[in-house]
Amino acid sequence: MKLPVIKHLQKNNDVEKLNHTMEVLESFCEHRSVKENEMDVVGELITNLAGAVEMDKLIQEGMSEKDAANTFAKRVLGSIDQ
């Protein structure tokens, strides 16, 4: 997860485009010839895309960009700790 990348994706893309990109990447990973290290990279990309979607949702609900980024980061870190 790279917060600067997530912020960039959120600012420069609409949610529909981000969701479509995640669907394509997930489909890519389903192919049997995709190697483990490739899946790791795609997983990181999907995490950043999902973060951008979540940040956008928080901003649409009235949260500032900074607070949305911090809230998302805390959720991710909280889920890792469990």
PDB file of N, CA and C in Angstrom:
ATOM      1  N   MET A   1       0.846  -1.170   0.000  1.00  0.00           N
ATOM      2  CA  MET A   1       0.000   0.000   0.000  1.00  0.00           C
ATOM      3  C   MET A   1       0.893   1.234   0.000  1.00  0.00           C
ATOM      4  N   LYS A   2       0.663   2.103  -0.966  1.00  0.00           N
ATOM      5  CA  LYS A   2       1.430   3.342  -1.061  1.00  0.00           C
ATOM      6  C   LYS A   2       0.447   4.506  -1.087  1.00  0.00           C
ATOM      7  N   LEU A   3       0.373   5.205   0.031  1.00  0.00           N
ATOM      8  CA  LEU A   3      -0.604   6.277   0.177  1.00  0.00           C
ATOM      9  C   LEU A   3      -0.466   7.365  -0.889  1.00  0.00           C
ATOM     10  N   PRO A   4       0.755   7.788  -1.266  1.00  0.00           N
ATOM     11  CA  PRO A   4       0.843   8.793  -2.335  1.00  0.00           C
ATOM     12  C   PRO A   4       0.257   8.288  -3.668  1.00  0.00           C
ATOM     13  N   VAL A   5       0.441   7.016  -3.958  1.00  0.00           N
ATOM     14  CA  VAL A   5      -0.115   6.436  -5.182  1.00  0.00           C
ATOM     15  C   VAL A   5      -1.640   6.396  -5.083  1.00  0.00           C
ATOM     16  N   ILE A   6      -2.148   6.014  -3.925  1.00  0.00           N
ATOM     17  CA  ILE A   6      -3.598   5.955  -3.716  1.00  0.00           C
ATOM     18  C   ILE A   6      -4.213   7.335  -3.905  1.00  0.00           C
ATOM     19  N   LYS A   7      -3.593   8.355  -3.333  1.00  0.00           N
ATOM     20  CA  LYS A   7      -4.095   9.723  -3.488  1.00  0.00           C
ATOM     21  C   LYS A   7      -4.100  10.134  -4.957  1.00  0.00           C
ATOM     22  N   HIS A   8      -3.030   9.808  -5.662  1.00  0.00           N
ATOM     23  CA  HIS A   8      -2.923  10.144  -7.082  1.00  0.00           C
ATOM     24  C   HIS A   8      -4.026   9.460  -7.888  1.00  0.00           C
ATOM     25  N   LEU A   9      -4.230   8.174  -7.632  1.00  0.00           N
ATOM     26  CA  LEU A   9      -5.271   7.435  -8.350  1.00  0.00           C
ATOM     27  C   LEU A   9      -6.644   8.024  -8.075  1.00  0.00           C
ATOM     28  N   GLN A  10      -6.911   8.363  -6.824  1.00  0.00           N
ATOM     29  CA  GLN A  10      -8.218   8.898  -6.446  1.00  0.00           C
ATOM     30  C   GLN A  10      -8.481  10.244  -7.115  1.00  0.00           C
ATOM     31  N   LYS A  11      -7.459  11.085  -7.181  1.00  0.00           N
ATOM     32  CA  LYS A  11      -7.626  12.417  -7.755  1.00  0.00           C
ATOM     33  C   LYS A  11      -7.801  12.388  -9.270  1.00  0.00           C
ATOM     34  N   ASN A  12      -7.164  11.430  -9.928  1.00  0.00           N
ATOM     35  CA  ASN A  12      -7.075  11.461 -11.387  1.00  0.00           C
ATOM     36  C   ASN A  12      -7.950  10.451 -12.119  1.00  0.00           C
ATOM     37  N   ASN A  13      -8.788   9.724 -11.398  1.00  0.00           N
ATOM     38  CA  ASN A  13      -9.625   8.702 -12.028  1.00  0.00           C
ATOM     39  C   ASN A  13     -10.983   8.652 -11.357  1.00  0.00           C
ATOM     40  N   ASP A  14     -11.998   8.311 -12.131  1.00  0.00           N
ATOM     41  CA  ASP A  14     -13.304   8.135 -11.512  1.00  0.00           C
ATOM     42  C   ASP A  14     -13.433   6.704 -10.986  1.00  0.00           C
ATOM     43  N   VAL A  15     -14.373   6.507 -10.093  1.00  0.00           N
ATOM     44  CA  VAL A  15     -14.550   5.230  -9.405  1.00  0.00           C
ATOM     45  C   VAL A  15     -14.844   4.102 -10.396  1.00  0.00           C
ATOM     46  N   GLU A  16     -15.632   4.384 -11.406  1.00  0.00           N
ATOM     47  CA  GLU A  16     -15.967   3.362 -12.397  1.00  0.00           C
ATOM     48  C   GLU A  16     -14.712   2.829 -13.091  1.00  0.00           C
ATOM     49  N   LYS A  17     -13.818   3.725 -13.445  1.00  0.00           N
ATOM     50  CA  LYS A  17     -12.571   3.327 -14.102  1.00  0.00           C
ATOM     51  C   LYS A  17     -11.697   2.492 -13.153  1.00  0.00           C
ATOM     52  N   LEU A  18     -11.629   2.903 -11.896  1.00  0.00           N
ATOM     53  CA  LEU A  18     -10.830   2.169 -10.911  1.00  0.00           C
ATOM     54  C   LEU A  18     -11.392   0.760 -10.709  1.00  0.00           C
ATOM     55  N   ASN A  19     -12.714   0.658 -10.584  1.00  0.00           N
ATOM     56  CA  ASN A  19     -13.343  -0.656 -10.403  1.00  0.00           C
ATOM     57  C   ASN A  19     -13.127  -1.553 -11.619  1.00  0.00           C
ATOM     58  N   HIS A  20     -13.236  -0.989 -12.800  1.00  0.00           N
ATOM     59  CA  HIS A  20     -13.025  -1.768 -14.022  1.00  0.00           C
ATOM     60  C   HIS A  20     -11.585  -2.288 -14.083  1.00  0.00           C
ATOM     61  N   THR A  21     -10.643  -1.442 -13.724  1.00  0.00           N
ATOM     62  CA  THR A  21      -9.240  -1.849 -13.725  1.00  0.00           C
ATOM     63  C   THR A  21      -8.999  -2.996 -12.749  1.00  0.00           C
ATOM     64  N   MET A  22      -9.624  -2.924 -11.581  1.00  0.00           N
ATOM     65  CA  MET A  22      -9.478  -4.022 -10.618  1.00  0.00           C
ATOM     66  C   MET A  22     -10.043  -5.318 -11.178  1.00  0.00           C
ATOM     67  N   GLU A  23     -11.173  -5.240 -11.856  1.00  0.00           N
ATOM     68  CA  GLU A  23     -11.774  -6.437 -12.462  1.00  0.00           C
ATOM     69  C   GLU A  23     -10.840  -7.062 -13.490  1.00  0.00           C
ATOM     70  N   VAL A  24     -10.214  -6.234 -14.306  1.00  0.00           N
ATOM     71  CA  VAL A  24      -9.282  -6.740 -15.325  1.00  0.00           C
ATOM     72  C   VAL A  24      -8.081  -7.404 -14.662  1.00  0.00           C
ATOM     73  N   LEU A  25      -7.535  -6.776 -13.636  1.00  0.00           N
ATOM     74  CA  LEU A  25      -6.378  -7.357 -12.943  1.00  0.00           C
ATOM     75  C   LEU A  25      -6.739  -8.673 -12.254  1.00  0.00           C
ATOM     76  N   GLU A  26      -7.921  -8.737 -11.667  1.00  0.00           N
ATOM     77  CA  GLU A  26      -8.366  -9.985 -11.036  1.00  0.00           C
ATOM     78  C   GLU A  26      -8.512 -11.086 -12.082  1.00  0.00           C
ATOM     79  N   SER A  27      -9.038 -10.751 -13.234  1.00  0.00           N
ATOM     80  CA  SER A  27      -9.177 -11.718 -14.319  1.00  0.00           C
ATOM     81  C   SER A  27      -7.809 -12.207 -14.784  1.00  0.00           C
ATOM     82  N   PHE A  28      -6.864 -11.299 -14.873  1.00  0.00           N
ATOM     83  CA  PHE A  28      -5.495 -11.653 -15.256  1.00  0.00           C
ATOM     84  C   PHE A  28      -4.925 -12.707 -14.315  1.00  0.00           C
ATOM     85  N   CYS A  29      -5.145 -12.522 -13.020  1.00  0.00           N
ATOM     86  CA  CYS A  29      -4.594 -13.441 -12.014  1.00  0.00           C
ATOM     87  C   CYS A  29      -5.226 -14.825 -12.063  1.00  0.00           C
ATOM     88  N   GLU A  30      -6.400 -14.931 -12.654  1.00  0.00           N
ATOM     89  CA  GLU A  30      -7.079 -16.219 -12.722  1.00  0.00           C
ATOM     90  C   GLU A  30      -6.472 -17.162 -13.756  1.00  0.00           C
ATOM     91  N   HIS A  31      -5.646 -16.621 -14.642  1.00  0.00           N
ATOM     92  CA  HIS A  31      -5.049 -17.477 -15.669  1.00  0.00           C
ATOM     93  C   HIS A  31      -3.953 -18.342 -15.050  1.00  0.00           C
ATOM     94  N   ARG A  32      -3.883 -19.573 -15.474  1.00  0.00           N
ATOM     95  CA  ARG A  32      -2.962 -20.549 -14.865  1.00  0.00           C
ATOM     96  C   ARG A  32      -1.494 -20.242 -15.114  1.00  0.00           C
ATOM     97  N   SER A  33      -1.179 -19.430 -16.121  1.00  0.00           N
ATOM     98  CA  SER A  33       0.228 -19.159 -16.414  1.00  0.00           C
ATOM     99  C   SER A  33       0.806 -17.987 -15.616  1.00  0.00           C
ATOM    100  N   VAL A  34      -0.024 -17.317 -14.828  1.00  0.00           N
ATOM    101  CA  VAL A  34       0.452 -16.191 -14.028  1.00  0.00           C
ATOM    102  C   VAL A  34       1.251 -16.731 -12.848  1.00  0.00           C
ATOM    103  N   LYS A  35       2.471 -16.222 -12.713  1.00  0.00           N
ATOM    104  CA  LYS A  35       3.386 -16.690 -11.665  1.00  0.00           C
ATOM    105  C   LYS A  35       3.109 -15.985 -10.341  1.00  0.00           C
ATOM    106  N   GLU A  36       3.612 -16.579  -9.283  1.00  0.00           N
ATOM    107  CA  GLU A  36       3.401 -16.067  -7.925  1.00  0.00           C
ATOM    108  C   GLU A  36       3.898 -14.626  -7.774  1.00  0.00           C
ATOM    109  N   ASN A  37       5.088 -14.342  -8.300  1.00  0.00           N
ATOM    110  CA  ASN A  37       5.620 -12.980  -8.155  1.00  0.00           C
ATOM    111  C   ASN A  37       4.790 -11.967  -8.939  1.00  0.00           C
ATOM    112  N   GLU A  38       4.197 -12.394 -10.053  1.00  0.00           N
ATOM    113  CA  GLU A  38       3.310 -11.523 -10.814  1.00  0.00           C
ATOM    114  C   GLU A  38       2.031 -11.257 -10.022  1.00  0.00           C
ATOM    115  N   MET A  39       1.526 -12.280  -9.353  1.00  0.00           N
ATOM    116  CA  MET A  39       0.331 -12.102  -8.521  1.00  0.00           C
ATOM    117  C   MET A  39       0.597 -11.147  -7.366  1.00  0.00           C
ATOM    118  N   ASP A  40       1.806 -11.196  -6.817  1.00  0.00           N
ATOM    119  CA  ASP A  40       2.153 -10.274  -5.735  1.00  0.00           C
ATOM    120  C   ASP A  40       2.096  -8.823  -6.218  1.00  0.00           C
ATOM    121  N   VAL A  41       2.634  -8.579  -7.396  1.00  0.00           N
ATOM    122  CA  VAL A  41       2.625  -7.225  -7.960  1.00  0.00           C
ATOM    123  C   VAL A  41       1.187  -6.784  -8.234  1.00  0.00           C
ATOM    124  N   VAL A  42       0.409  -7.658  -8.846  1.00  0.00           N
ATOM    125  CA  VAL A  42      -0.986  -7.333  -9.149  1.00  0.00           C
ATOM    126  C   VAL A  42      -1.766  -7.106  -7.852  1.00  0.00           C
ATOM    127  N   GLY A  43      -1.478  -7.883  -6.829  1.00  0.00           N
ATOM    128  CA  GLY A  43      -2.137  -7.696  -5.533  1.00  0.00           C
ATOM    129  C   GLY A  43      -1.858  -6.322  -4.960  1.00  0.00           C
ATOM    130  N   GLU A  44      -0.632  -5.864  -5.092  1.00  0.00           N
ATOM    131  CA  GLU A  44      -0.277  -4.520  -4.624  1.00  0.00           C
ATOM    132  C   GLU A  44      -1.029  -3.462  -5.431  1.00  0.00           C
ATOM    133  N   LEU A  45      -1.131  -3.659  -6.730  1.00  0.00           N
ATOM    134  CA  LEU A  45      -1.871  -2.722  -7.573  1.00  0.00           C
ATOM    135  C   LEU A  45      -3.348  -2.673  -7.179  1.00  0.00           C
ATOM    136  N   ILE A  46      -3.929  -3.839  -6.968  1.00  0.00           N
ATOM    137  CA  ILE A  46      -5.341  -3.902  -6.586  1.00  0.00           C
ATOM    138  C   ILE A  46      -5.561  -3.224  -5.235  1.00  0.00           C
ATOM    139  N   THR A  47      -4.647  -3.416  -4.312  1.00  0.00           N
ATOM    140  CA  THR A  47      -4.751  -2.765  -3.001  1.00  0.00           C
ATOM    141  C   THR A  47      -4.769  -1.249  -3.153  1.00  0.00           C
ATOM    142  N   ASN A  48      -3.889  -0.728  -3.995  1.00  0.00           N
ATOM    143  CA  ASN A  48      -3.841   0.715  -4.210  1.00  0.00           C
ATOM    144  C   ASN A  48      -5.105   1.217  -4.894  1.00  0.00           C
ATOM    145  N   LEU A  49      -5.606   0.470  -5.860  1.00  0.00           N
ATOM    146  CA  LEU A  49      -6.843   0.852  -6.542  1.00  0.00           C
ATOM    147  C   LEU A  49      -8.032   0.834  -5.576  1.00  0.00           C
ATOM    148  N   ALA A  50      -8.123  -0.220  -4.773  1.00  0.00           N
ATOM    149  CA  ALA A  50      -9.209  -0.323  -3.791  1.00  0.00           C
ATOM    150  C   ALA A  50      -9.113   0.808  -2.773  1.00  0.00           C
ATOM    151  N   GLY A  51      -7.904   1.172  -2.403  1.00  0.00           N
ATOM    152  CA  GLY A  51      -7.708   2.296  -1.494  1.00  0.00           C
ATOM    153  C   GLY A  51      -8.202   3.600  -2.084  1.00  0.00           C
ATOM    154  N   ALA A  52      -7.970   3.783  -3.376  1.00  0.00           N
ATOM    155  CA  ALA A  52      -8.442   4.997  -4.044  1.00  0.00           C
ATOM    156  C   ALA A  52      -9.969   5.043  -4.067  1.00  0.00           C
ATOM    157  N   VAL A  53     -10.595   3.892  -4.295  1.00  0.00           N
ATOM    158  CA  VAL A  53     -12.064   3.827  -4.290  1.00  0.00           C
ATOM    159  C   VAL A  53     -12.588   4.148  -2.885  1.00  0.00           C
ATOM    160  N   GLU A  54     -11.964   3.571  -1.880  1.00  0.00           N
ATOM    161  CA  GLU A  54     -12.404   3.817  -0.506  1.00  0.00           C
ATOM    162  C   GLU A  54     -12.198   5.286  -0.117  1.00  0.00           C
ATOM    163  N   MET A  55     -11.059   5.848  -0.497  1.00  0.00           N
ATOM    164  CA  MET A  55     -10.816   7.264  -0.209  1.00  0.00           C
ATOM    165  C   MET A  55     -11.862   8.144  -0.871  1.00  0.00           C
ATOM    166  N   ASP A  56     -12.193   7.830  -2.124  1.00  0.00           N
ATOM    167  CA  ASP A  56     -13.201   8.606  -2.836  1.00  0.00           C
ATOM    168  C   ASP A  56     -14.538   8.545  -2.112  1.00  0.00           C
ATOM    169  N   LYS A  57     -14.892   7.366  -1.630  1.00  0.00           N
ATOM    170  CA  LYS A  57     -16.152   7.206  -0.896  1.00  0.00           C
ATOM    171  C   LYS A  57     -16.166   8.086   0.356  1.00  0.00           C
ATOM    172  N   LEU A  58     -15.061   8.077   1.091  1.00  0.00           N
ATOM    173  CA  LEU A  58     -14.977   8.883   2.304  1.00  0.00           C
ATOM    174  C   LEU A  58     -15.053  10.375   1.994  1.00  0.00           C
ATOM    175  N   ILE A  59     -14.406  10.788   0.915  1.00  0.00           N
ATOM    176  CA  ILE A  59     -14.438  12.200   0.512  1.00  0.00           C
ATOM    177  C   ILE A  59     -15.853  12.594   0.087  1.00  0.00           C
ATOM    178  N   GLN A  60     -16.529  11.704  -0.637  1.00  0.00           N
ATOM    179  CA  GLN A  60     -17.901  11.979  -1.067  1.00  0.00           C
ATOM    180  C   GLN A  60     -18.848  12.111   0.134  1.00  0.00           C
ATOM    181  N   GLU A  61     -18.497  11.442   1.230  1.00  0.00           N
ATOM    182  CA  GLU A  61     -19.294  11.525   2.454  1.00  0.00           C
ATOM    183  C   GLU A  61     -18.985  12.783   3.257  1.00  0.00           C
ATOM    184  N   GLY A  62     -18.038  13.607   2.763  1.00  0.00           N
ATOM    185  CA  GLY A  62     -17.750  14.878   3.403  1.00  0.00           C
ATOM    186  C   GLY A  62     -16.428  14.965   4.137  1.00  0.00           C
ATOM    187  N   MET A  63     -15.644  13.917   4.114  1.00  0.00           N
ATOM    188  CA  MET A  63     -14.367  13.921   4.815  1.00  0.00           C
ATOM    189  C   MET A  63     -13.318  14.649   3.958  1.00  0.00           C
ATOM    190  N   SER A  64     -12.370  15.311   4.600  1.00  0.00           N
ATOM    191  CA  SER A  64     -11.292  15.955   3.854  1.00  0.00           C
ATOM    192  C   SER A  64     -10.382  14.881   3.254  1.00  0.00           C
ATOM    193  N   GLU A  65      -9.633  15.262   2.233  1.00  0.00           N
ATOM    194  CA  GLU A  65      -8.723  14.311   1.583  1.00  0.00           C
ATOM    195  C   GLU A  65      -7.714  13.742   2.592  1.00  0.00           C
ATOM    196  N   LYS A  66      -7.177  14.602   3.427  1.00  0.00           N
ATOM    197  CA  LYS A  66      -6.189  14.175   4.423  1.00  0.00           C
ATOM    198  C   LYS A  66      -6.808  13.191   5.415  1.00  0.00           C
ATOM    199  N   ASP A  67      -7.991  13.513   5.914  1.00  0.00           N
ATOM    200  CA  ASP A  67      -8.663  12.630   6.869  1.00  0.00           C
ATOM    201  C   ASP A  67      -9.057  11.303   6.220  1.00  0.00           C
ATOM    202  N   ALA A  68      -9.487  11.368   4.961  1.00  0.00           N
ATOM    203  CA  ALA A  68      -9.851  10.141   4.246  1.00  0.00           C
ATOM    204  C   ALA A  68      -8.632   9.232   4.084  1.00  0.00           C
ATOM    205  N   ALA A  69      -7.500   9.818   3.742  1.00  0.00           N
ATOM    206  CA  ALA A  69      -6.274   9.034   3.584  1.00  0.00           C
ATOM    207  C   ALA A  69      -5.852   8.415   4.913  1.00  0.00           C
ATOM    208  N   ASN A  70      -5.915   9.191   5.972  1.00  0.00           N
ATOM    209  CA  ASN A  70      -5.541   8.682   7.298  1.00  0.00           C
ATOM    210  C   ASN A  70      -6.497   7.591   7.772  1.00  0.00           C
ATOM    211  N   THR A  71      -7.784   7.771   7.528  1.00  0.00           N
ATOM    212  CA  THR A  71      -8.777   6.773   7.921  1.00  0.00           C
ATOM    213  C   THR A  71      -8.538   5.464   7.190  1.00  0.00           C
ATOM    214  N   PHE A  72      -8.295   5.545   5.888  1.00  0.00           N
ATOM    215  CA  PHE A  72      -8.031   4.335   5.111  1.00  0.00           C
ATOM    216  C   PHE A  72      -6.768   3.639   5.611  1.00  0.00           C
ATOM    217  N   ALA A  73      -5.700   4.395   5.824  1.00  0.00           N
ATOM    218  CA  ALA A  73      -4.434   3.813   6.287  1.00  0.00           C
ATOM    219  C   ALA A  73      -4.626   3.127   7.641  1.00  0.00           C
ATOM    220  N   LYS A  74      -5.377   3.745   8.547  1.00  0.00           N
ATOM    221  CA  LYS A  74      -5.624   3.143   9.858  1.00  0.00           C
ATOM    222  C   LYS A  74      -6.418   1.844   9.731  1.00  0.00           C
ATOM    223  N   ARG A  75      -7.395   1.807   8.807  1.00  0.00           N
ATOM    224  CA  ARG A  75      -8.165   0.583   8.593  1.00  0.00           C
ATOM    225  C   ARG A  75      -7.278  -0.551   8.107  1.00  0.00           C
ATOM    226  N   VAL A  76      -6.416  -0.238   7.163  1.00  0.00           N
ATOM    227  CA  VAL A  76      -5.525  -1.269   6.625  1.00  0.00           C
ATOM    228  C   VAL A  76      -4.571  -1.767   7.700  1.00  0.00           C
ATOM    229  N   LEU A  77      -3.963  -0.847   8.412  1.00  0.00           N
ATOM    230  CA  LEU A  77      -3.008  -1.231   9.446  1.00  0.00           C
ATOM    231  C   LEU A  77      -3.722  -1.990  10.571  1.00  0.00           C
ATOM    232  N   GLY A  78      -4.946  -1.585  10.887  1.00  0.00           N
ATOM    233  CA  GLY A  78      -5.724  -2.278  11.901  1.00  0.00           C
ATOM    234  C   GLY A  78      -6.062  -3.700  11.494  1.00  0.00           C
ATOM    235  N   SER A  79      -6.346  -3.902  10.217  1.00  0.00           N
ATOM    236  CA  SER A  79      -6.675  -5.253   9.754  1.00  0.00           C
ATOM    237  C   SER A  79      -5.435  -6.145   9.706  1.00  0.00           C
ATOM    238  N   ILE A  80      -4.281  -5.546   9.499  1.00  0.00           N
ATOM    239  CA  ILE A  80      -3.040  -6.310   9.484  1.00  0.00           C
ATOM    240  C   ILE A  80      -2.682  -6.776  10.890  1.00  0.00           C
ATOM    241  N   ASP A  81      -2.946  -5.931  11.874  1.00  0.00           N
ATOM    242  CA  ASP A  81      -2.620  -6.259  13.257  1.00  0.00           C
ATOM    243  C   ASP A  81      -3.448  -7.406  13.803  1.00  0.00           C
ATOM    244  N   GLN A  82      -4.625  -7.659  13.222  1.00  0.00           N
ATOM    245  CA  GLN A  82      -5.517  -8.692  13.766  1.00  0.00           C
ATOM    246  C   GLN A  82      -5.090 -10.050  13.402  1.00  0.00           C
TER     247      GLN A  82
END
